[in-house]
Amino acid sequence: MAEEAKVRYSDKDLAEFRVLIEEKMEKAKKHLELLKSSYMNDGNNGTDDTSPTFKAFEEGSETMSKEANTQLAIRQEKFIRDLKNALLRIENKTYGICRITGKLINKERLKLVPHATLSIEAKNMQK
């Protein structure tokens, strides 16, 4: 009985994707550190001696930017998690296979979104 040929990317392709993902993960981790350090700072920019109105405005914008940084950090953490999962799929040799259609995800899409688990076709079906 002939074994059914599985559709997957070659080991060479997987190795190229691994390099791409590891580079993206390195950048993402650095970005996350920057975000974390920016909202960990107490943010005292020496405005103690300026007018109370300006100080209140600055504290308000500081709170907003702290919240925005926190949101960005949460998104960055999810992105890193998605990249780690992509590396696991490379290990399992299931990387680049659409989890809905079972077909290969277009190489160009994976280069742009290396943690993608859906082909464009499957993504459009979800809309």
PDB file of N, CA and C in Angstrom:
ATOM      1  N   MET A   1       0.838  -1.193   0.000  1.00  0.00           N
ATOM      2  CA  MET A   1       0.000   0.000   0.000  1.00  0.00           C
ATOM      3  C   MET A   1       0.874   1.245   0.000  1.00  0.00           C
ATOM      4  N   ALA A   2       0.708   2.070  -1.015  1.00  0.00           N
ATOM      5  CA  ALA A   2       1.528   3.284  -1.122  1.00  0.00           C
ATOM      6  C   ALA A   2       1.128   4.277  -0.039  1.00  0.00           C
ATOM      7  N   GLU A   3       2.155   4.861   0.599  1.00  0.00           N
ATOM      8  CA  GLU A   3       1.893   5.855   1.642  1.00  0.00           C
ATOM      9  C   GLU A   3       1.495   7.167   0.982  1.00  0.00           C
ATOM     10  N   GLU A   4       0.490   7.801   1.529  1.00  0.00           N
ATOM     11  CA  GLU A   4       0.013   9.067   0.971  1.00  0.00           C
ATOM     12  C   GLU A   4       1.077  10.146   1.149  1.00  0.00           C
ATOM     13  N   ALA A   5       1.426  10.798   0.055  1.00  0.00           N
ATOM     14  CA  ALA A   5       2.444  11.854   0.121  1.00  0.00           C
ATOM     15  C   ALA A   5       1.843  13.068   0.825  1.00  0.00           C
ATOM     16  N   LYS A   6       2.534  13.537   1.839  1.00  0.00           N
ATOM     17  CA  LYS A   6       2.056  14.705   2.566  1.00  0.00           C
ATOM     18  C   LYS A   6       2.604  15.961   1.917  1.00  0.00           C
ATOM     19  N   VAL A   7       1.770  16.970   1.868  1.00  0.00           N
ATOM     20  CA  VAL A   7       2.179  18.252   1.315  1.00  0.00           C
ATOM     21  C   VAL A   7       2.829  19.044   2.446  1.00  0.00           C
ATOM     22  N   ARG A   8       4.094  19.424   2.231  1.00  0.00           N
ATOM     23  CA  ARG A   8       4.773  20.256   3.224  1.00  0.00           C
ATOM     24  C   ARG A   8       5.954  20.949   2.566  1.00  0.00           C
ATOM     25  N   TYR A   9       6.485  21.955   3.265  1.00  0.00           N
ATOM     26  CA  TYR A   9       7.677  22.639   2.759  1.00  0.00           C
ATOM     27  C   TYR A   9       8.901  21.761   2.984  1.00  0.00           C
ATOM     28  N   SER A  10       9.882  21.897   2.098  1.00  0.00           N
ATOM     29  CA  SER A  10      11.114  21.107   2.213  1.00  0.00           C
ATOM     30  C   SER A  10      11.898  21.544   3.446  1.00  0.00           C
ATOM     31  N   ASP A  11      12.814  20.688   3.882  1.00  0.00           N
ATOM     32  CA  ASP A  11      13.653  21.022   5.038  1.00  0.00           C
ATOM     33  C   ASP A  11      14.453  22.300   4.774  1.00  0.00           C
ATOM     34  N   LYS A  12      14.859  22.483   3.513  1.00  0.00           N
ATOM     35  CA  LYS A  12      15.614  23.686   3.140  1.00  0.00           C
ATOM     36  C   LYS A  12      14.735  24.928   3.343  1.00  0.00           C
ATOM     37  N   ASP A  13      13.498  24.851   2.865  1.00  0.00           N
ATOM     38  CA  ASP A  13      12.557  25.969   3.051  1.00  0.00           C
ATOM     39  C   ASP A  13      12.311  26.219   4.537  1.00  0.00           C
ATOM     40  N   LEU A  14      12.105  25.145   5.288  1.00  0.00           N
ATOM     41  CA  LEU A  14      11.848  25.280   6.729  1.00  0.00           C
ATOM     42  C   LEU A  14      13.021  25.950   7.426  1.00  0.00           C
ATOM     43  N   ALA A  15      14.238  25.608   7.001  1.00  0.00           N
ATOM     44  CA  ALA A  15      15.433  26.211   7.601  1.00  0.00           C
ATOM     45  C   ALA A  15      15.470  27.715   7.311  1.00  0.00           C
ATOM     46  N   GLU A  16      15.083  28.096   6.100  1.00  0.00           N
ATOM     47  CA  GLU A  16      15.035  29.525   5.742  1.00  0.00           C
ATOM     48  C   GLU A  16      13.992  30.254   6.579  1.00  0.00           C
ATOM     49  N   PHE A  17      12.832  29.631   6.753  1.00  0.00           N
ATOM     50  CA  PHE A  17      11.781  30.239   7.563  1.00  0.00           C
ATOM     51  C   PHE A  17      12.224  30.362   9.020  1.00  0.00           C
ATOM     52  N   ARG A  18      12.963  29.345   9.515  1.00  0.00           N
ATOM     53  CA  ARG A  18      13.444  29.383  10.898  1.00  0.00           C
ATOM     54  C   ARG A  18      14.323  30.620  11.123  1.00  0.00           C
ATOM     55  N   VAL A  19      15.240  30.882  10.186  1.00  0.00           N
ATOM     56  CA  VAL A  19      16.132  32.049  10.284  1.00  0.00           C
ATOM     57  C   VAL A  19      15.295  33.329  10.313  1.00  0.00           C
ATOM     58  N   LEU A  20      14.333  33.436   9.408  1.00  0.00           N
ATOM     59  CA  LEU A  20      13.456  34.606   9.327  1.00  0.00           C
ATOM     60  C   LEU A  20      12.704  34.807  10.654  1.00  0.00           C
ATOM     61  N   ILE A  21      12.139  33.739  11.186  1.00  0.00           N
ATOM     62  CA  ILE A  21      11.358  33.813  12.429  1.00  0.00           C
ATOM     63  C   ILE A  21      12.250  34.167  13.609  1.00  0.00           C
ATOM     64  N   GLU A  22      13.430  33.563  13.667  1.00  0.00           N
ATOM     65  CA  GLU A  22      14.342  33.863  14.781  1.00  0.00           C
ATOM     66  C   GLU A  22      14.780  35.327  14.760  1.00  0.00           C
ATOM     67  N   GLU A  23      15.007  35.872  13.555  1.00  0.00           N
ATOM     68  CA  GLU A  23      15.368  37.293  13.436  1.00  0.00           C
ATOM     69  C   GLU A  23      14.208  38.176  13.911  1.00  0.00           C
ATOM     70  N   LYS A  24      12.991  37.830  13.472  1.00  0.00           N
ATOM     71  CA  LYS A  24      11.811  38.603  13.885  1.00  0.00           C
ATOM     72  C   LYS A  24      11.617  38.512  15.394  1.00  0.00           C
ATOM     73  N   MET A  25      11.868  37.336  15.963  1.00  0.00           N
ATOM     74  CA  MET A  25      11.687  37.152  17.402  1.00  0.00           C
ATOM     75  C   MET A  25      12.698  37.992  18.178  1.00  0.00           C
ATOM     76  N   GLU A  26      13.923  38.032  17.685  1.00  0.00           N
ATOM     77  CA  GLU A  26      14.965  38.841  18.342  1.00  0.00           C
ATOM     78  C   GLU A  26      14.559  40.311  18.384  1.00  0.00           C
ATOM     79  N   LYS A  27      14.087  40.819  17.225  1.00  0.00           N
ATOM     80  CA  LYS A  27      13.633  42.215  17.147  1.00  0.00           C
ATOM     81  C   LYS A  27      12.435  42.443  18.061  1.00  0.00           C
ATOM     82  N   ALA A  28      11.511  41.499  18.067  1.00  0.00           N
ATOM     83  CA  ALA A  28      10.295  41.625  18.883  1.00  0.00           C
ATOM     84  C   ALA A  28      10.636  41.664  20.368  1.00  0.00           C
ATOM     85  N   LYS A  29      11.607  40.844  20.777  1.00  0.00           N
ATOM     86  CA  LYS A  29      12.009  40.830  22.193  1.00  0.00           C
ATOM     87  C   LYS A  29      12.656  42.154  22.581  1.00  0.00           C
ATOM     88  N   LYS A  30      13.488  42.708  21.695  1.00  0.00           N
ATOM     89  CA  LYS A  30      14.116  44.008  21.966  1.00  0.00           C
ATOM     90  C   LYS A  30      13.055  45.099  22.072  1.00  0.00           C
ATOM     91  N   HIS A  31      12.086  45.061  21.156  1.00  0.00           N
ATOM     92  CA  HIS A  31      11.001  46.038  21.167  1.00  0.00           C
ATOM     93  C   HIS A  31      10.210  45.930  22.469  1.00  0.00           C
ATOM     94  N   LEU A  32       9.947  44.696  22.898  1.00  0.00           N
ATOM     95  CA  LEU A  32       9.201  44.471  24.133  1.00  0.00           C
ATOM     96  C   LEU A  32       9.969  45.039  25.331  1.00  0.00           C
ATOM     97  N   GLU A  33      11.278  44.828  25.350  1.00  0.00           N
ATOM     98  CA  GLU A  33      12.095  45.378  26.443  1.00  0.00           C
ATOM     99  C   GLU A  33      12.011  46.897  26.488  1.00  0.00           C
ATOM    100  N   LEU A  34      12.067  47.528  25.300  1.00  0.00           N
ATOM    101  CA  LEU A  34      11.938  48.987  25.231  1.00  0.00           C
ATOM    102  C   LEU A  34      10.592  49.454  25.771  1.00  0.00           C
ATOM    103  N   LEU A  35       9.539  48.759  25.358  1.00  0.00           N
ATOM    104  CA  LEU A  35       8.200  49.118  25.830  1.00  0.00           C
ATOM    105  C   LEU A  35       8.104  48.978  27.346  1.00  0.00           C
ATOM    106  N   LYS A  36       8.609  47.853  27.838  1.00  0.00           N
ATOM    107  CA  LYS A  36       8.537  47.609  29.282  1.00  0.00           C
ATOM    108  C   LYS A  36       9.336  48.654  30.052  1.00  0.00           C
ATOM    109  N   SER A  37      10.521  48.962  29.578  1.00  0.00           N
ATOM    110  CA  SER A  37      11.339  49.935  30.303  1.00  0.00           C
ATOM    111  C   SER A  37      10.703  51.322  30.249  1.00  0.00           C
ATOM    112  N   SER A  38      10.002  51.641  29.144  1.00  0.00           N
ATOM    113  CA  SER A  38       9.393  52.969  29.055  1.00  0.00           C
ATOM    114  C   SER A  38       8.209  53.109  30.005  1.00  0.00           C
ATOM    115  N   TYR A  39       7.442  52.015  30.239  1.00  0.00           N
ATOM    116  CA  TYR A  39       6.341  52.208  31.183  1.00  0.00           C
ATOM    117  C   TYR A  39       6.718  51.833  32.612  1.00  0.00           C
ATOM    118  N   MET A  40       7.925  51.308  32.812  1.00  0.00           N
ATOM    119  CA  MET A  40       8.409  51.053  34.166  1.00  0.00           C
ATOM    120  C   MET A  40       8.980  52.347  34.762  1.00  0.00           C
ATOM    121  N   ASN A  41       9.463  53.231  33.861  1.00  0.00           N
ATOM    122  CA  ASN A  41      10.012  54.507  34.339  1.00  0.00           C
ATOM    123  C   ASN A  41       8.946  55.285  35.074  1.00  0.00           C
ATOM    124  N   ASP A  42       9.353  56.014  36.104  1.00  0.00           N
ATOM    125  CA  ASP A  42       8.363  56.804  36.827  1.00  0.00           C
ATOM    126  C   ASP A  42       7.963  58.048  36.053  1.00  0.00           C
ATOM    127  N   GLY A  43       8.686  58.369  35.004  1.00  0.00           N
ATOM    128  CA  GLY A  43       8.267  59.425  34.088  1.00  0.00           C
ATOM    129  C   GLY A  43       8.336  60.832  34.659  1.00  0.00           C
ATOM    130  N   ASN A  44       9.126  61.057  35.671  1.00  0.00           N
ATOM    131  CA  ASN A  44       9.261  62.411  36.207  1.00  0.00           C
ATOM    132  C   ASN A  44      10.239  63.173  35.322  1.00  0.00           C
ATOM    133  N   ASN A  45       9.682  64.040  34.503  1.00  0.00           N
ATOM    134  CA  ASN A  45      10.515  64.777  33.539  1.00  0.00           C
ATOM    135  C   ASN A  45      10.885  66.161  34.037  1.00  0.00           C
ATOM    136  N   GLY A  46      10.894  66.345  35.332  1.00  0.00           N
ATOM    137  CA  GLY A  46      11.304  67.628  35.883  1.00  0.00           C
ATOM    138  C   GLY A  46      10.309  68.736  35.643  1.00  0.00           C
ATOM    139  N   THR A  47       9.021  68.419  35.703  1.00  0.00           N
ATOM    140  CA  THR A  47       7.995  69.446  35.470  1.00  0.00           C
ATOM    141  C   THR A  47       7.429  69.965  36.790  1.00  0.00           C
ATOM    142  N   ASP A  48       8.088  69.657  37.894  1.00  0.00           N
ATOM    143  CA  ASP A  48       7.586  70.060  39.208  1.00  0.00           C
ATOM    144  C   ASP A  48       7.423  71.565  39.327  1.00  0.00           C
ATOM    145  N   ASP A  49       8.308  72.311  38.683  1.00  0.00           N
ATOM    146  CA  ASP A  49       8.270  73.765  38.870  1.00  0.00           C
ATOM    147  C   ASP A  49       7.445  74.481  37.806  1.00  0.00           C
ATOM    148  N   THR A  50       6.827  73.730  36.870  1.00  0.00           N
ATOM    149  CA  THR A  50       6.022  74.391  35.835  1.00  0.00           C
ATOM    150  C   THR A  50       4.589  74.548  36.318  1.00  0.00           C
ATOM    151  N   SER A  51       3.782  75.201  35.529  1.00  0.00           N
ATOM    152  CA  SER A  51       2.412  75.526  35.950  1.00  0.00           C
ATOM    153  C   SER A  51       1.592  74.267  36.220  1.00  0.00           C
ATOM    154  N   PRO A  52       0.664  74.315  37.178  1.00  0.00           N
ATOM    155  CA  PRO A  52      -0.163  73.156  37.522  1.00  0.00           C
ATOM    156  C   PRO A  52      -0.976  72.652  36.332  1.00  0.00           C
ATOM    157  N   THR A  53      -1.429  73.553  35.451  1.00  0.00           N
ATOM    158  CA  THR A  53      -2.214  73.139  34.293  1.00  0.00           C
ATOM    159  C   THR A  53      -1.377  72.249  33.378  1.00  0.00           C
ATOM    160  N   PHE A  54      -0.165  72.693  33.108  1.00  0.00           N
ATOM    161  CA  PHE A  54       0.731  71.909  32.246  1.00  0.00           C
ATOM    162  C   PHE A  54       1.025  70.559  32.893  1.00  0.00           C
ATOM    163  N   LYS A  55       1.270  70.569  34.201  1.00  0.00           N
ATOM    164  CA  LYS A  55       1.589  69.340  34.922  1.00  0.00           C
ATOM    165  C   LYS A  55       0.426  68.348  34.822  1.00  0.00           C
ATOM    166  N   ALA A  56      -0.795  68.840  34.996  1.00  0.00           N
ATOM    167  CA  ALA A  56      -1.976  67.974  34.907  1.00  0.00           C
ATOM    168  C   ALA A  56      -2.100  67.405  33.492  1.00  0.00           C
ATOM    169  N   PHE A  57      -1.872  68.262  32.508  1.00  0.00           N
ATOM    170  CA  PHE A  57      -1.928  67.800  31.114  1.00  0.00           C
ATOM    171  C   PHE A  57      -0.883  66.723  30.869  1.00  0.00           C
ATOM    172  N   GLU A  58       0.330  66.970  31.367  1.00  0.00           N
ATOM    173  CA  GLU A  58       1.408  66.013  31.141  1.00  0.00           C
ATOM    174  C   GLU A  58       1.128  64.685  31.836  1.00  0.00           C
ATOM    175  N   GLU A  59       0.603  64.747  33.058  1.00  0.00           N
ATOM    176  CA  GLU A  59       0.278  63.512  33.775  1.00  0.00           C
ATOM    177  C   GLU A  59      -0.799  62.732  33.035  1.00  0.00           C
ATOM    178  N   GLY A  60      -1.755  63.461  32.455  1.00  0.00           N
ATOM    179  CA  GLY A  60      -2.810  62.813  31.675  1.00  0.00           C
ATOM    180  C   GLY A  60      -2.254  62.116  30.455  1.00  0.00           C
ATOM    181  N   SER A  61      -1.368  62.793  29.742  1.00  0.00           N
ATOM    182  CA  SER A  61      -0.793  62.176  28.541  1.00  0.00           C
ATOM    183  C   SER A  61       0.151  61.043  28.927  1.00  0.00           C
ATOM    184  N   GLU A  62       0.779  61.187  30.105  1.00  0.00           N
ATOM    185  CA  GLU A  62       1.662  60.129  30.584  1.00  0.00           C
ATOM    186  C   GLU A  62       0.863  58.858  30.861  1.00  0.00           C
ATOM    187  N   THR A  63      -0.326  59.042  31.477  1.00  0.00           N
ATOM    188  CA  THR A  63      -1.199  57.901  31.756  1.00  0.00           C
ATOM    189  C   THR A  63      -1.635  57.264  30.444  1.00  0.00           C
ATOM    190  N   MET A  64      -2.004  58.106  29.466  1.00  0.00           N
ATOM    191  CA  MET A  64      -2.413  57.571  28.169  1.00  0.00           C
ATOM    192  C   MET A  64      -1.281  56.803  27.511  1.00  0.00           C
ATOM    193  N   SER A  65      -0.080  57.372  27.542  1.00  0.00           N
ATOM    194  CA  SER A  65       1.019  56.686  26.869  1.00  0.00           C
ATOM    195  C   SER A  65       1.395  55.419  27.631  1.00  0.00           C
ATOM    196  N   LYS A  66       1.223  55.428  28.949  1.00  0.00           N
ATOM    197  CA  LYS A  66       1.493  54.224  29.742  1.00  0.00           C
ATOM    198  C   LYS A  66       0.524  53.118  29.333  1.00  0.00           C
ATOM    199  N   GLU A  67      -0.753  53.483  29.178  1.00  0.00           N
ATOM    200  CA  GLU A  67      -1.762  52.509  28.752  1.00  0.00           C
ATOM    201  C   GLU A  67      -1.475  52.021  27.339  1.00  0.00           C
ATOM    202  N   ALA A  68      -1.108  52.948  26.464  1.00  0.00           N
ATOM    203  CA  ALA A  68      -0.798  52.574  25.077  1.00  0.00           C
ATOM    204  C   ALA A  68       0.405  51.641  25.050  1.00  0.00           C
ATOM    205  N   ASN A  69       1.436  51.975  25.835  1.00  0.00           N
ATOM    206  CA  ASN A  69       2.625  51.108  25.905  1.00  0.00           C
ATOM    207  C   ASN A  69       2.281  49.733  26.448  1.00  0.00           C
ATOM    208  N   THR A  70       1.402  49.704  27.445  1.00  0.00           N
ATOM    209  CA  THR A  70       0.992  48.415  28.013  1.00  0.00           C
ATOM    210  C   THR A  70       0.289  47.582  26.952  1.00  0.00           C
ATOM    211  N   GLN A  71      -0.615  48.216  26.188  1.00  0.00           N
ATOM    212  CA  GLN A  71      -1.315  47.513  25.108  1.00  0.00           C
ATOM    213  C   GLN A  71      -0.329  47.007  24.051  1.00  0.00           C
ATOM    214  N   LEU A  72       0.626  47.868  23.697  1.00  0.00           N
ATOM    215  CA  LEU A  72       1.640  47.459  22.714  1.00  0.00           C
ATOM    216  C   LEU A  72       2.464  46.290  23.242  1.00  0.00           C
ATOM    217  N   ALA A  73       2.797  46.343  24.526  1.00  0.00           N
ATOM    218  CA  ALA A  73       3.594  45.269  25.137  1.00  0.00           C
ATOM    219  C   ALA A  73       2.814  43.955  25.121  1.00  0.00           C
ATOM    220  N   ILE A  74       1.519  44.027  25.412  1.00  0.00           N
ATOM    221  CA  ILE A  74       0.678  42.812  25.389  1.00  0.00           C
ATOM    222  C   ILE A  74       0.641  42.232  23.977  1.00  0.00           C
ATOM    223  N   ARG A  75       0.470  43.121  22.976  1.00  0.00           N
ATOM    224  CA  ARG A  75       0.463  42.651  21.585  1.00  0.00           C
ATOM    225  C   ARG A  75       1.814  42.040  21.207  1.00  0.00           C
ATOM    226  N   GLN A  76       2.889  42.679  21.675  1.00  0.00           N
ATOM    227  CA  GLN A  76       4.238  42.197  21.361  1.00  0.00           C
ATOM    228  C   GLN A  76       4.460  40.809  21.978  1.00  0.00           C
ATOM    229  N   GLU A  77       3.986  40.625  23.224  1.00  0.00           N
ATOM    230  CA  GLU A  77       4.113  39.320  23.886  1.00  0.00           C
ATOM    231  C   GLU A  77       3.362  38.241  23.112  1.00  0.00           C
ATOM    232  N   LYS A  78       2.173  38.583  22.610  1.00  0.00           N
ATOM    233  CA  LYS A  78       1.389  37.621  21.818  1.00  0.00           C
ATOM    234  C   LYS A  78       2.131  37.301  20.521  1.00  0.00           C
ATOM    235  N   PHE A  79       2.709  38.319  19.886  1.00  0.00           N
ATOM    236  CA  PHE A  79       3.469  38.123  18.650  1.00  0.00           C
ATOM    237  C   PHE A  79       4.637  37.165  18.896  1.00  0.00           C
ATOM    238  N   ILE A  80       5.361  37.360  20.008  1.00  0.00           N
ATOM    239  CA  ILE A  80       6.492  36.488  20.348  1.00  0.00           C
ATOM    240  C   ILE A  80       5.995  35.053  20.566  1.00  0.00           C
ATOM    241  N   ARG A  81       4.860  34.926  21.259  1.00  0.00           N
ATOM    242  CA  ARG A  81       4.278  33.595  21.490  1.00  0.00           C
ATOM    243  C   ARG A  81       3.921  32.937  20.154  1.00  0.00           C
ATOM    244  N   ASP A  82       3.328  33.714  19.241  1.00  0.00           N
ATOM    245  CA  ASP A  82       2.961  33.189  17.917  1.00  0.00           C
ATOM    246  C   ASP A  82       4.207  32.741  17.147  1.00  0.00           C
ATOM    247  N   LEU A  83       5.293  33.515  17.263  1.00  0.00           N
ATOM    248  CA  LEU A  83       6.542  33.150  16.584  1.00  0.00           C
ATOM    249  C   LEU A  83       7.119  31.871  17.180  1.00  0.00           C
ATOM    250  N   LYS A  84       7.043  31.727  18.516  1.00  0.00           N
ATOM    251  CA  LYS A  84       7.529  30.493  19.168  1.00  0.00           C
ATOM    252  C   LYS A  84       6.729  29.297  18.679  1.00  0.00           C
ATOM    253  N   ASN A  85       5.419  29.473  18.554  1.00  0.00           N
ATOM    254  CA  ASN A  85       4.570  28.390  18.043  1.00  0.00           C
ATOM    255  C   ASN A  85       4.929  28.047  16.603  1.00  0.00           C
ATOM    256  N   ALA A  86       5.298  29.059  15.817  1.00  0.00           N
ATOM    257  CA  ALA A  86       5.716  28.821  14.428  1.00  0.00           C
ATOM    258  C   ALA A  86       6.996  27.979  14.415  1.00  0.00           C
ATOM    259  N   LEU A  87       7.916  28.272  15.345  1.00  0.00           N
ATOM    260  CA  LEU A  87       9.149  27.466  15.434  1.00  0.00           C
ATOM    261  C   LEU A  87       8.821  26.012  15.791  1.00  0.00           C
ATOM    262  N   LEU A  88       7.837  25.805  16.653  1.00  0.00           N
ATOM    263  CA  LEU A  88       7.416  24.436  16.993  1.00  0.00           C
ATOM    264  C   LEU A  88       6.863  23.728  15.758  1.00  0.00           C
ATOM    265  N   ARG A  89       6.094  24.465  14.954  1.00  0.00           N
ATOM    266  CA  ARG A  89       5.555  23.860  13.725  1.00  0.00           C
ATOM    267  C   ARG A  89       6.680  23.512  12.752  1.00  0.00           C
ATOM    268  N   ILE A  90       7.747  24.303  12.760  1.00  0.00           N
ATOM    269  CA  ILE A  90       8.894  23.977  11.910  1.00  0.00           C
ATOM    270  C   ILE A  90       9.509  22.667  12.395  1.00  0.00           C
ATOM    271  N   GLU A  91       9.674  22.543  13.720  1.00  0.00           N
ATOM    272  CA  GLU A  91      10.210  21.295  14.309  1.00  0.00           C
ATOM    273  C   GLU A  91       9.360  20.094  13.894  1.00  0.00           C
ATOM    274  N   ASN A  92       8.033  20.273  13.941  1.00  0.00           N
ATOM    275  CA  ASN A  92       7.101  19.179  13.613  1.00  0.00           C
ATOM    276  C   ASN A  92       6.908  18.998  12.110  1.00  0.00           C
ATOM    277  N   LYS A  93       7.541  19.866  11.344  1.00  0.00           N
ATOM    278  CA  LYS A  93       7.421  19.876   9.881  1.00  0.00           C
ATOM    279  C   LYS A  93       5.976  20.098   9.424  1.00  0.00           C
ATOM    280  N   THR A  94       5.209  20.839  10.235  1.00  0.00           N
ATOM    281  CA  THR A  94       3.835  21.182   9.849  1.00  0.00           C
ATOM    282  C   THR A  94       3.744  22.664   9.526  1.00  0.00           C
ATOM    283  N   TYR A  95       4.866  23.346   9.552  1.00  0.00           N
ATOM    284  CA  TYR A  95       4.889  24.784   9.295  1.00  0.00           C
ATOM    285  C   TYR A  95       4.440  25.089   7.876  1.00  0.00           C
ATOM    286  N   GLY A  96       3.629  26.134   7.742  1.00  0.00           N
ATOM    287  CA  GLY A  96       3.224  26.590   6.406  1.00  0.00           C
ATOM    288  C   GLY A  96       2.044  25.838   5.836  1.00  0.00           C
ATOM    289  N   ILE A  97       1.426  24.970   6.650  1.00  0.00           N
ATOM    290  CA  ILE A  97       0.260  24.234   6.179  1.00  0.00           C
ATOM    291  C   ILE A  97      -0.976  24.884   6.802  1.00  0.00           C
ATOM    292  N   CYS A  98      -1.918  25.274   5.974  1.00  0.00           N
ATOM    293  CA  CYS A  98      -3.135  25.929   6.450  1.00  0.00           C
ATOM    294  C   CYS A  98      -3.906  24.978   7.354  1.00  0.00           C
ATOM    295  N   ARG A  99      -4.290  25.468   8.539  1.00  0.00           N
ATOM    296  CA  ARG A  99      -4.980  24.587   9.487  1.00  0.00           C
ATOM    297  C   ARG A  99      -6.434  24.331   9.105  1.00  0.00           C
ATOM    298  N   ILE A 100      -6.935  25.025   8.077  1.00  0.00           N
ATOM    299  CA  ILE A 100      -8.303  24.772   7.630  1.00  0.00           C
ATOM    300  C   ILE A 100      -8.329  23.971   6.328  1.00  0.00           C
ATOM    301  N   THR A 101      -7.570  24.429   5.333  1.00  0.00           N
ATOM    302  CA  THR A 101      -7.624  23.756   4.024  1.00  0.00           C
ATOM    303  C   THR A 101      -6.625  22.605   3.908  1.00  0.00           C
ATOM    304  N   GLY A 102      -5.577  22.631   4.733  1.00  0.00           N
ATOM    305  CA  GLY A 102      -4.547  21.596   4.638  1.00  0.00           C
ATOM    306  C   GLY A 102      -3.578  21.828   3.487  1.00  0.00           C
ATOM    307  N   LYS A 103      -3.771  22.924   2.763  1.00  0.00           N
ATOM    308  CA  LYS A 103      -2.877  23.253   1.646  1.00  0.00           C
ATOM    309  C   LYS A 103      -1.723  24.104   2.157  1.00  0.00           C
ATOM    310  N   LEU A 104      -0.680  24.205   1.337  1.00  0.00           N
ATOM    311  CA  LEU A 104       0.452  25.050   1.708  1.00  0.00           C
ATOM    312  C   LEU A 104       0.047  26.514   1.643  1.00  0.00           C
ATOM    313  N   ILE A 105       0.479  27.259   2.648  1.00  0.00           N
ATOM    314  CA  ILE A 105       0.269  28.700   2.661  1.00  0.00           C
ATOM    315  C   ILE A 105       1.313  29.303   1.721  1.00  0.00           C
ATOM    316  N   ASN A 106       0.897  30.252   0.920  1.00  0.00           N
ATOM    317  CA  ASN A 106       1.786  30.893  -0.042  1.00  0.00           C
ATOM    318  C   ASN A 106       3.065  31.396   0.638  1.00  0.00           C
ATOM    319  N   LYS A 107       4.203  31.128  -0.009  1.00  0.00           N
ATOM    320  CA  LYS A 107       5.516  31.503   0.544  1.00  0.00           C
ATOM    321  C   LYS A 107       5.634  33.001   0.818  1.00  0.00           C
ATOM    322  N   GLU A 108       5.105  33.808  -0.101  1.00  0.00           N
ATOM    323  CA  GLU A 108       5.181  35.265   0.070  1.00  0.00           C
ATOM    324  C   GLU A 108       4.401  35.706   1.310  1.00  0.00           C
ATOM    325  N   ARG A 109       3.255  35.078   1.546  1.00  0.00           N
ATOM    326  CA  ARG A 109       2.460  35.390   2.738  1.00  0.00           C
ATOM    327  C   ARG A 109       3.256  35.046   3.999  1.00  0.00           C
ATOM    328  N   LEU A 110       3.919  33.901   3.988  1.00  0.00           N
ATOM    329  CA  LEU A 110       4.695  33.481   5.162  1.00  0.00           C
ATOM    330  C   LEU A 110       5.887  34.403   5.412  1.00  0.00           C
ATOM    331  N   LYS A 111       6.447  34.946   4.337  1.00  0.00           N
ATOM    332  CA  LYS A 111       7.564  35.884   4.514  1.00  0.00           C
ATOM    333  C   LYS A 111       7.075  37.165   5.187  1.00  0.00           C
ATOM    334  N   LEU A 112       5.865  37.591   4.846  1.00  0.00           N
ATOM    335  CA  LEU A 112       5.287  38.802   5.442  1.00  0.00           C
ATOM    336  C   LEU A 112       4.722  38.527   6.837  1.00  0.00           C
ATOM    337  N   VAL A 113       4.053  37.387   6.984  1.00  0.00           N
ATOM    338  CA  VAL A 113       3.426  37.006   8.257  1.00  0.00           C
ATOM    339  C   VAL A 113       3.914  35.601   8.615  1.00  0.00           C
ATOM    340  N   PRO A 114       5.142  35.484   9.147  1.00  0.00           N
ATOM    341  CA  PRO A 114       5.740  34.161   9.349  1.00  0.00           C
ATOM    342  C   PRO A 114       5.023  33.276  10.370  1.00  0.00           C
ATOM    343  N   HIS A 115       4.116  33.870  11.168  1.00  0.00           N
ATOM    344  CA  HIS A 115       3.389  33.072  12.151  1.00  0.00           C
ATOM    345  C   HIS A 115       1.987  32.694  11.655  1.00  0.00           C
ATOM    346  N   ALA A 116       1.707  32.949  10.364  1.00  0.00           N
ATOM    347  CA  ALA A 116       0.384  32.654   9.801  1.00  0.00           C
ATOM    348  C   ALA A 116       0.068  31.165   9.887  1.00  0.00           C
ATOM    349  N   THR A 117      -1.188  30.854  10.228  1.00  0.00           N
ATOM    350  CA  THR A 117      -1.630  29.453  10.251  1.00  0.00           C
ATOM    351  C   THR A 117      -2.773  29.238   9.264  1.00  0.00           C
ATOM    352  N   LEU A 118      -3.165  30.315   8.587  1.00  0.00           N
ATOM    353  CA  LEU A 118      -4.241  30.225   7.606  1.00  0.00           C
ATOM    354  C   LEU A 118      -3.782  30.738   6.254  1.00  0.00           C
ATOM    355  N   SER A 119      -4.237  30.074   5.199  1.00  0.00           N
ATOM    356  CA  SER A 119      -3.990  30.585   3.857  1.00  0.00           C
ATOM    357  C   SER A 119      -4.934  31.764   3.646  1.00  0.00           C
ATOM    358  N   ILE A 120      -4.673  32.566   2.637  1.00  0.00           N
ATOM    359  CA  ILE A 120      -5.548  33.700   2.321  1.00  0.00           C
ATOM    360  C   ILE A 120      -6.963  33.171   2.029  1.00  0.00           C
ATOM    361  N   GLU A 121      -7.024  32.047   1.313  1.00  0.00           N
ATOM    362  CA  GLU A 121      -8.303  31.408   0.967  1.00  0.00           C
ATOM    363  C   GLU A 121      -9.120  31.116   2.252  1.00  0.00           C
ATOM    364  N   ALA A 122      -8.468  30.509   3.242  1.00  0.00           N
ATOM    365  CA  ALA A 122      -9.148  30.175   4.502  1.00  0.00           C
ATOM    366  C   ALA A 122      -9.505  31.430   5.282  1.00  0.00           C
ATOM    367  N   LYS A 123      -8.620  32.403   5.256  1.00  0.00           N
ATOM    368  CA  LYS A 123      -8.858  33.669   5.978  1.00  0.00           C
ATOM    369  C   LYS A 123     -10.093  34.377   5.395  1.00  0.00           C
ATOM    370  N   ASN A 124     -10.205  34.351   4.072  1.00  0.00           N
ATOM    371  CA  ASN A 124     -11.349  34.980   3.408  1.00  0.00           C
ATOM    372  C   ASN A 124     -12.657  34.245   3.710  1.00  0.00           C
ATOM    373  N   MET A 125     -12.581  32.925   3.916  1.00  0.00           N
ATOM    374  CA  MET A 125     -13.773  32.148   4.241  1.00  0.00           C
ATOM    375  C   MET A 125     -14.326  32.538   5.617  1.00  0.00           C
ATOM    376  N   GLN A 126     -13.447  33.029   6.501  1.00  0.00           N
ATOM    377  CA  GLN A 126     -13.856  33.396   7.850  1.00  0.00           C
ATOM    378  C   GLN A 126     -14.617  34.707   7.918  1.00  0.00           C
ATOM    379  N   LYS A 127     -14.499  35.528   6.883  1.00  0.00           N
ATOM    380  CA  LYS A 127     -15.122  36.860   6.898  1.00  0.00           C
ATOM    381  C   LYS A 127     -16.625  36.771   6.812  1.00  0.00           C
TER     382      LYS A 127
END
